[in-house]
N, C-alpha and C. Protein backbone atom coordinates (compact mmCIF):
# COMPACT_ATOMS: atom_id res chain seq x y z
N MET A 1 -191.89 -14.24 -15.58
CA MET A 1 -193.02 -13.39 -14.71
C MET A 1 -193.94 -13.30 -15.85
N LEU A 2 -195.41 -13.37 -15.59
CA LEU A 2 -196.48 -12.86 -16.48
C LEU A 2 -196.81 -11.46 -16.54
N PRO A 3 -196.70 -10.97 -17.76
CA PRO A 3 -197.10 -9.49 -18.02
C PRO A 3 -198.34 -9.19 -17.09
N SER A 4 -198.58 -8.10 -16.49
CA SER A 4 -199.86 -7.71 -15.70
C SER A 4 -201.15 -7.95 -16.44
N ASP A 5 -200.89 -7.55 -17.66
CA ASP A 5 -202.41 -7.47 -18.55
C ASP A 5 -202.69 -8.84 -18.57
N LYS A 6 -201.80 -9.84 -18.87
CA LYS A 6 -202.12 -11.12 -19.18
C LYS A 6 -202.33 -11.87 -17.69
N ALA A 7 -201.92 -11.66 -16.77
CA ALA A 7 -202.09 -12.09 -15.20
C ALA A 7 -203.54 -11.60 -14.91
N THR A 8 -203.90 -10.47 -15.15
CA THR A 8 -205.20 -10.13 -14.93
C THR A 8 -206.25 -10.50 -15.80
N ALA A 9 -206.14 -11.06 -17.08
CA ALA A 9 -206.94 -11.60 -17.81
C ALA A 9 -207.18 -13.00 -17.41
N LEU A 10 -206.05 -13.70 -17.03
CA LEU A 10 -206.18 -14.97 -16.46
C LEU A 10 -206.96 -15.08 -15.27
N ILE A 11 -206.62 -14.28 -14.16
CA ILE A 11 -207.40 -13.89 -13.00
C ILE A 11 -208.80 -13.87 -13.15
N LYS A 12 -209.11 -12.83 -13.95
CA LYS A 12 -210.51 -12.62 -14.20
C LYS A 12 -211.33 -13.57 -15.18
N GLY A 13 -210.51 -14.43 -15.81
CA GLY A 13 -211.19 -15.43 -16.46
C GLY A 13 -211.65 -16.69 -15.66
N VAL A 14 -210.88 -16.72 -14.47
CA VAL A 14 -211.22 -17.76 -13.48
C VAL A 14 -212.39 -17.22 -12.66
N ARG A 15 -212.29 -16.07 -12.20
CA ARG A 15 -213.14 -15.45 -11.33
C ARG A 15 -213.29 -14.13 -11.54
N THR A 16 -214.52 -13.58 -12.06
CA THR A 16 -214.57 -12.16 -12.50
C THR A 16 -214.75 -11.38 -11.22
N SER A 17 -215.15 -11.65 -10.15
CA SER A 17 -215.40 -10.98 -8.85
C SER A 17 -214.01 -10.81 -8.08
N VAL A 18 -213.10 -11.18 -8.40
CA VAL A 18 -211.71 -11.16 -7.74
C VAL A 18 -211.10 -9.75 -7.92
N LEU A 19 -210.66 -9.10 -6.96
CA LEU A 19 -209.74 -8.01 -7.07
C LEU A 19 -208.31 -8.41 -7.05
N SER A 20 -207.71 -7.67 -7.97
CA SER A 20 -206.42 -7.96 -8.24
C SER A 20 -205.41 -6.72 -7.82
N SER A 21 -204.15 -7.07 -7.41
CA SER A 21 -203.40 -5.75 -6.78
C SER A 21 -202.01 -6.02 -7.46
N SER A 22 -201.33 -4.79 -7.56
CA SER A 22 -199.92 -4.88 -8.01
C SER A 22 -199.32 -3.72 -7.50
N ASN A 23 -197.89 -4.25 -7.17
CA ASN A 23 -197.15 -3.19 -6.63
C ASN A 23 -196.17 -2.57 -7.94
N ARG A 24 -196.54 -2.74 -8.96
CA ARG A 24 -195.69 -2.45 -10.05
C ARG A 24 -196.83 -1.02 -10.39
N TRP A 25 -196.24 0.07 -10.07
CA TRP A 25 -197.22 1.36 -10.15
C TRP A 25 -196.43 2.51 -10.92
N SER A 26 -197.16 3.05 -11.84
CA SER A 26 -196.66 4.18 -12.64
C SER A 26 -197.75 5.47 -12.52
N TRP A 27 -197.06 6.45 -11.68
CA TRP A 27 -197.49 7.59 -11.18
C TRP A 27 -198.23 8.47 -12.45
N GLU A 28 -197.48 8.33 -13.65
CA GLU A 28 -197.88 9.17 -14.70
C GLU A 28 -199.31 8.60 -15.26
N LYS A 29 -199.54 7.27 -15.05
CA LYS A 29 -200.83 6.85 -15.37
C LYS A 29 -202.07 7.34 -14.59
N LYS A 30 -201.66 7.70 -13.44
CA LYS A 30 -202.80 8.20 -12.44
C LYS A 30 -203.92 7.18 -12.11
N GLY A 31 -203.42 6.01 -12.22
CA GLY A 31 -204.42 4.72 -11.91
C GLY A 31 -203.70 3.41 -12.07
N THR A 32 -204.33 2.36 -12.10
CA THR A 32 -203.99 1.01 -12.21
C THR A 32 -204.45 0.58 -13.54
N PRO A 33 -203.53 0.54 -14.69
CA PRO A 33 -203.95 0.31 -15.91
C PRO A 33 -204.59 -1.21 -16.02
N TYR A 34 -204.04 -2.20 -15.26
CA TYR A 34 -204.38 -3.54 -15.39
C TYR A 34 -204.98 -4.18 -14.28
N MET A 35 -204.50 -3.70 -13.04
CA MET A 35 -204.90 -4.28 -11.74
C MET A 35 -206.05 -3.44 -11.10
N ASP A 36 -206.67 -3.83 -10.27
CA ASP A 36 -207.70 -3.13 -9.56
C ASP A 36 -207.10 -2.08 -8.43
N ILE A 37 -206.14 -2.71 -7.69
CA ILE A 37 -205.61 -1.93 -6.56
C ILE A 37 -204.16 -1.88 -6.77
N ALA A 38 -203.67 -0.50 -6.50
CA ALA A 38 -202.21 -0.33 -6.65
C ALA A 38 -201.60 -0.62 -5.23
N VAL A 39 -200.56 -0.90 -5.11
CA VAL A 39 -199.86 -1.34 -3.68
C VAL A 39 -198.28 -0.47 -3.69
N THR A 40 -198.16 -0.08 -2.43
CA THR A 40 -196.70 0.78 -2.33
C THR A 40 -196.38 0.08 -1.07
N GLU A 41 -194.97 -0.18 -0.82
CA GLU A 41 -194.23 -0.62 0.22
C GLU A 41 -193.37 0.38 0.88
N LEU A 42 -193.58 0.48 2.14
CA LEU A 42 -192.94 1.44 3.00
C LEU A 42 -192.85 2.87 2.52
N ARG A 43 -193.86 3.39 1.67
CA ARG A 43 -194.00 4.68 1.37
C ARG A 43 -195.65 4.88 1.12
N HIS A 44 -195.88 6.09 1.27
CA HIS A 44 -197.35 6.41 0.93
C HIS A 44 -197.48 6.88 -0.35
N PHE A 45 -198.81 6.88 -1.04
CA PHE A 45 -199.10 7.34 -2.24
C PHE A 45 -198.79 8.94 -2.00
N LYS A 46 -198.90 9.42 -3.48
CA LYS A 46 -198.61 10.86 -3.42
C LYS A 46 -199.97 11.57 -3.04
N GLU A 47 -199.84 12.99 -2.81
CA GLU A 47 -200.85 13.78 -2.53
C GLU A 47 -201.94 13.63 -3.66
N GLY A 48 -203.20 13.58 -3.35
CA GLY A 48 -204.30 13.70 -4.48
C GLY A 48 -204.49 12.49 -5.18
N ASN A 49 -203.86 11.38 -4.63
CA ASN A 49 -204.22 10.02 -5.41
C ASN A 49 -205.64 9.64 -5.27
N GLN A 50 -206.24 9.32 -6.27
CA GLN A 50 -207.59 8.91 -6.47
C GLN A 50 -207.72 7.28 -6.59
N ALA A 51 -206.58 6.75 -7.20
CA ALA A 51 -206.79 5.30 -7.50
C ALA A 51 -206.99 4.59 -6.22
N PRO A 52 -207.66 3.50 -6.06
CA PRO A 52 -207.91 2.76 -4.76
C PRO A 52 -206.36 2.09 -4.59
N GLY A 53 -205.92 2.04 -3.31
CA GLY A 53 -204.68 1.72 -2.91
C GLY A 53 -204.45 0.96 -1.71
N GLU A 54 -203.38 0.22 -1.67
CA GLU A 54 -202.82 -0.32 -0.15
C GLU A 54 -201.38 0.04 -0.05
N THR A 55 -201.33 0.48 1.08
CA THR A 55 -199.91 0.96 1.63
C THR A 55 -199.36 -0.13 2.66
N CYS A 56 -198.47 -0.80 2.31
CA CYS A 56 -197.73 -1.81 3.20
C CYS A 56 -196.57 -1.19 4.07
N MET A 57 -196.89 -1.44 5.23
CA MET A 57 -195.80 -0.90 6.34
C MET A 57 -195.56 -2.11 7.43
N LYS A 58 -194.50 -1.87 8.10
CA LYS A 58 -194.16 -2.91 9.07
C LYS A 58 -194.13 -2.31 10.49
N LEU A 59 -194.43 -3.13 11.37
CA LEU A 59 -194.53 -2.79 12.83
C LEU A 59 -193.34 -2.93 13.44
N GLU A 60 -192.48 -4.00 13.01
CA GLU A 60 -191.22 -4.07 13.68
C GLU A 60 -190.10 -3.19 12.84
N GLN A 61 -188.93 -3.17 13.32
CA GLN A 61 -187.96 -2.55 12.66
C GLN A 61 -187.61 -2.85 11.46
N LYS A 62 -187.80 -4.11 11.11
CA LYS A 62 -187.50 -4.65 9.81
C LYS A 62 -188.47 -5.68 9.47
N TRP A 63 -188.59 -6.13 8.29
CA TRP A 63 -189.54 -6.96 7.57
C TRP A 63 -189.55 -8.26 8.44
N LEU A 64 -188.53 -8.77 8.59
CA LEU A 64 -188.31 -10.00 9.19
C LEU A 64 -187.87 -9.94 10.48
N TRP A 65 -188.18 -10.88 11.45
CA TRP A 65 -187.86 -10.91 12.80
C TRP A 65 -186.44 -11.01 13.11
N LYS A 66 -185.73 -10.33 13.75
CA LYS A 66 -184.44 -10.33 14.37
C LYS A 66 -184.18 -10.44 15.73
N LYS A 67 -183.48 -11.38 16.39
CA LYS A 67 -183.36 -11.20 17.82
C LYS A 67 -182.94 -9.91 18.23
N GLY A 68 -183.52 -9.47 19.38
CA GLY A 68 -183.45 -8.05 19.82
C GLY A 68 -183.93 -6.99 19.28
N ALA A 69 -184.75 -7.34 18.19
CA ALA A 69 -185.48 -6.24 17.49
C ALA A 69 -186.59 -5.87 18.26
N ARG A 70 -187.04 -4.59 18.24
CA ARG A 70 -188.44 -4.17 19.11
C ARG A 70 -189.38 -3.67 17.79
N SER A 71 -190.71 -3.79 18.31
CA SER A 71 -191.75 -3.28 17.39
C SER A 71 -191.58 -1.54 17.46
N GLY A 72 -192.27 -1.09 16.44
CA GLY A 72 -192.26 0.54 16.23
C GLY A 72 -193.31 0.97 17.08
N SER A 73 -193.58 2.00 17.33
CA SER A 73 -194.73 2.64 18.07
C SER A 73 -196.06 2.62 17.74
N ALA A 74 -197.05 2.38 18.41
CA ALA A 74 -198.38 2.43 18.29
C ALA A 74 -198.85 3.71 17.53
N ARG A 75 -198.31 4.76 18.02
CA ARG A 75 -198.67 6.11 17.39
C ARG A 75 -198.18 6.09 16.10
N ASP A 76 -196.99 5.85 15.76
CA ASP A 76 -196.47 5.75 14.39
C ASP A 76 -197.42 4.94 13.54
N ALA A 77 -197.71 3.73 13.88
CA ALA A 77 -198.66 2.98 13.05
C ALA A 77 -200.13 3.63 12.86
N ARG A 78 -200.76 4.33 14.00
CA ARG A 78 -201.90 4.99 13.68
C ARG A 78 -201.72 6.21 12.89
N ASN A 79 -200.48 6.88 12.95
CA ASN A 79 -200.30 7.83 11.74
C ASN A 79 -200.30 7.38 10.34
N HIS A 80 -199.66 6.20 10.45
CA HIS A 80 -199.58 5.71 9.03
C HIS A 80 -200.97 5.31 8.43
N LEU A 81 -201.74 4.78 9.30
CA LEU A 81 -203.23 4.51 9.01
C LEU A 81 -204.02 5.76 8.55
N ALA A 82 -203.86 6.81 9.36
CA ALA A 82 -204.48 8.04 8.89
C ALA A 82 -203.91 8.53 7.45
N LYS A 83 -202.70 8.52 7.52
CA LYS A 83 -202.03 9.21 6.18
C LYS A 83 -202.43 8.21 5.06
N ALA A 84 -202.48 7.03 5.11
CA ALA A 84 -202.95 5.98 4.12
C ALA A 84 -204.28 6.46 3.74
N HIS A 85 -205.18 6.56 4.66
CA HIS A 85 -206.77 6.70 4.61
C HIS A 85 -206.88 8.13 3.91
N SER A 86 -206.21 9.06 4.06
CA SER A 86 -206.19 10.33 3.44
C SER A 86 -205.97 10.34 2.12
N LYS A 87 -205.04 9.33 1.52
CA LYS A 87 -204.71 9.22 0.13
C LYS A 87 -205.50 7.89 -0.58
N ASN A 88 -206.56 7.58 -0.02
CA ASN A 88 -207.42 6.78 -0.61
C ASN A 88 -206.81 5.32 -0.66
N ALA A 89 -206.29 4.95 0.35
CA ALA A 89 -205.64 3.75 0.58
C ALA A 89 -205.87 3.10 1.83
N ASN A 90 -205.86 1.67 2.00
CA ASN A 90 -206.06 1.07 3.34
C ASN A 90 -204.39 0.74 3.57
N LEU A 91 -204.39 0.41 4.85
CA LEU A 91 -202.99 -0.01 5.45
C LEU A 91 -202.98 -1.30 5.75
N LEU A 92 -202.05 -2.11 5.27
CA LEU A 92 -201.45 -3.43 5.53
C LEU A 92 -200.42 -3.19 6.26
N LEU A 93 -200.46 -3.63 7.72
CA LEU A 93 -199.36 -3.55 8.65
C LEU A 93 -198.85 -4.88 9.02
N ASN A 94 -197.54 -5.10 8.65
CA ASN A 94 -197.02 -6.34 8.73
C ASN A 94 -196.45 -6.64 10.14
N VAL A 95 -196.86 -7.64 10.77
CA VAL A 95 -196.38 -8.05 12.13
C VAL A 95 -195.71 -9.34 11.94
N GLY A 96 -194.57 -9.28 11.99
CA GLY A 96 -193.63 -10.54 11.68
C GLY A 96 -193.42 -11.41 12.89
N PRO A 97 -193.57 -12.70 12.89
CA PRO A 97 -193.35 -13.52 13.92
C PRO A 97 -192.04 -13.90 14.30
N ASP A 98 -191.73 -14.51 15.32
CA ASP A 98 -190.37 -14.87 15.54
C ASP A 98 -190.07 -16.29 14.98
N THR A 99 -188.93 -16.82 15.23
CA THR A 99 -188.54 -17.94 14.48
C THR A 99 -189.43 -19.12 15.07
N LYS A 100 -190.00 -18.84 16.20
CA LYS A 100 -191.07 -20.23 16.58
C LYS A 100 -192.52 -19.78 15.93
N GLY A 101 -192.68 -18.59 15.24
CA GLY A 101 -193.94 -18.48 14.70
C GLY A 101 -194.84 -17.59 15.51
N ASN A 102 -194.37 -17.26 16.68
CA ASN A 102 -194.87 -16.25 17.72
C ASN A 102 -194.77 -14.93 17.48
N ILE A 103 -195.92 -14.21 17.91
CA ILE A 103 -195.76 -12.47 17.74
C ILE A 103 -195.14 -12.34 19.03
N THR A 104 -194.08 -11.30 19.02
CA THR A 104 -193.43 -10.89 20.18
C THR A 104 -194.09 -10.21 21.15
N GLU A 105 -193.76 -10.20 22.35
CA GLU A 105 -194.45 -9.44 23.36
C GLU A 105 -194.41 -8.00 23.13
N SER A 106 -193.53 -7.28 22.64
CA SER A 106 -193.51 -5.95 22.11
C SER A 106 -194.43 -5.46 21.02
N SER A 107 -194.63 -6.48 20.20
CA SER A 107 -195.57 -6.41 19.16
C SER A 107 -197.00 -6.44 19.46
N VAL A 108 -197.25 -7.31 20.28
CA VAL A 108 -198.47 -7.51 21.03
C VAL A 108 -198.86 -6.28 21.90
N LYS A 109 -198.04 -5.79 22.57
CA LYS A 109 -198.18 -4.52 23.33
C LYS A 109 -198.54 -3.28 22.46
N ALA A 110 -197.83 -3.11 21.27
CA ALA A 110 -197.96 -2.08 20.50
C ALA A 110 -199.38 -2.46 19.67
N LEU A 111 -199.69 -3.56 19.22
CA LEU A 111 -201.20 -3.91 18.82
C LEU A 111 -202.11 -3.28 19.70
N ALA A 112 -202.06 -3.83 20.92
CA ALA A 112 -203.06 -3.26 22.09
C ALA A 112 -203.13 -1.96 22.17
N GLU A 113 -201.97 -1.23 21.93
CA GLU A 113 -202.01 0.16 22.31
C GLU A 113 -202.55 0.93 20.80
N ILE A 114 -202.37 0.15 19.82
CA ILE A 114 -203.21 0.90 18.43
C ILE A 114 -204.69 0.72 18.75
N GLY A 115 -205.06 -0.41 19.33
CA GLY A 115 -206.55 -0.59 19.54
C GLY A 115 -206.95 0.52 20.32
N ARG A 116 -206.32 0.76 21.60
CA ARG A 116 -206.69 1.73 22.44
C ARG A 116 -206.51 3.29 21.88
N LEU A 117 -205.69 3.36 21.03
CA LEU A 117 -205.75 4.68 20.37
C LEU A 117 -206.93 4.79 19.39
N GLY A 118 -207.28 3.71 18.81
CA GLY A 118 -208.47 3.74 17.98
C GLY A 118 -209.76 3.95 18.65
N LYS A 119 -209.88 3.54 19.94
CA LYS A 119 -211.17 3.68 20.66
C LYS A 119 -211.19 5.41 21.10
N ARG A 120 -209.95 5.94 21.25
CA ARG A 120 -210.04 7.30 21.60
C ARG A 120 -210.30 8.15 20.47
N GLY A 121 -209.84 7.75 19.08
CA GLY A 121 -210.05 8.65 18.09
C GLY A 121 -208.92 8.21 16.92
N SER A 122 -208.71 9.14 16.14
CA SER A 122 -207.81 8.87 15.20
C SER A 122 -206.34 8.96 15.61
N ALA A 123 -205.47 8.78 14.69
CA ALA A 123 -203.90 8.89 15.18
C ALA A 123 -203.50 10.22 16.00
N THR A 124 -204.21 11.42 15.42
CA THR A 124 -203.88 12.46 15.85
C THR A 124 -204.64 12.87 17.35
N GLY A 125 -205.33 11.98 17.67
CA GLY A 125 -206.20 12.25 19.08
C GLY A 125 -207.44 12.95 18.74
N THR A 126 -207.88 12.90 17.47
CA THR A 126 -209.16 13.70 17.43
C THR A 126 -210.40 12.95 17.99
N PRO A 127 -211.35 13.72 18.48
CA PRO A 127 -212.56 12.73 18.86
C PRO A 127 -213.04 11.59 17.96
N ASN A 128 -213.49 10.65 18.36
CA ASN A 128 -213.90 9.50 17.47
C ASN A 128 -214.89 9.95 16.41
N ASP A 129 -215.70 10.95 16.65
CA ASP A 129 -216.85 11.19 15.75
C ASP A 129 -216.20 12.13 14.68
N LYS A 130 -214.92 12.60 14.77
CA LYS A 130 -214.40 13.40 13.75
C LYS A 130 -213.43 12.60 12.99
N ALA A 131 -212.83 11.43 13.43
CA ALA A 131 -211.97 10.48 12.73
C ALA A 131 -212.69 9.88 11.43
N PRO A 132 -211.99 9.47 10.41
CA PRO A 132 -212.65 8.79 9.53
C PRO A 132 -212.97 7.64 9.97
N ALA A 133 -214.27 7.16 9.40
CA ALA A 133 -214.94 5.87 9.78
C ALA A 133 -213.92 4.58 9.79
N SER A 134 -212.96 4.68 8.72
CA SER A 134 -212.04 3.60 8.71
C SER A 134 -210.88 3.45 9.87
N CYS A 135 -210.88 4.73 10.62
CA CYS A 135 -209.81 4.65 11.63
C CYS A 135 -210.58 4.61 12.89
N ARG A 136 -211.87 4.45 13.01
CA ARG A 136 -212.55 4.13 14.25
C ARG A 136 -212.45 2.85 14.75
């Protein structure tokens, strides 16, 4: 594995406008020493985070599809979106396909409901004009 400072130098040497991200994160440094964007998986950033971040969550019960598994709730996904936004991060929502490469019906329904919640406002039901722009 290439150390992050060398990986970033390589990336920036090829294309300076590329943003790089890393899920190797040190809270003590209060930022990303080598990468542009810090990444967390299945947890949110700490309160008061100022470094640009990405929070990775899953819609389904597990990262990978399993027969009989159902998707999580749309409201939970919207709550994750609002929480990520409040901590200076975007939300990457994993929606895993089944063994044939299809998105399951329960996931499609949950995604449609996430969209409907977005039209009504933020995850907590505030009016659209009071929801953060990224949650509209």
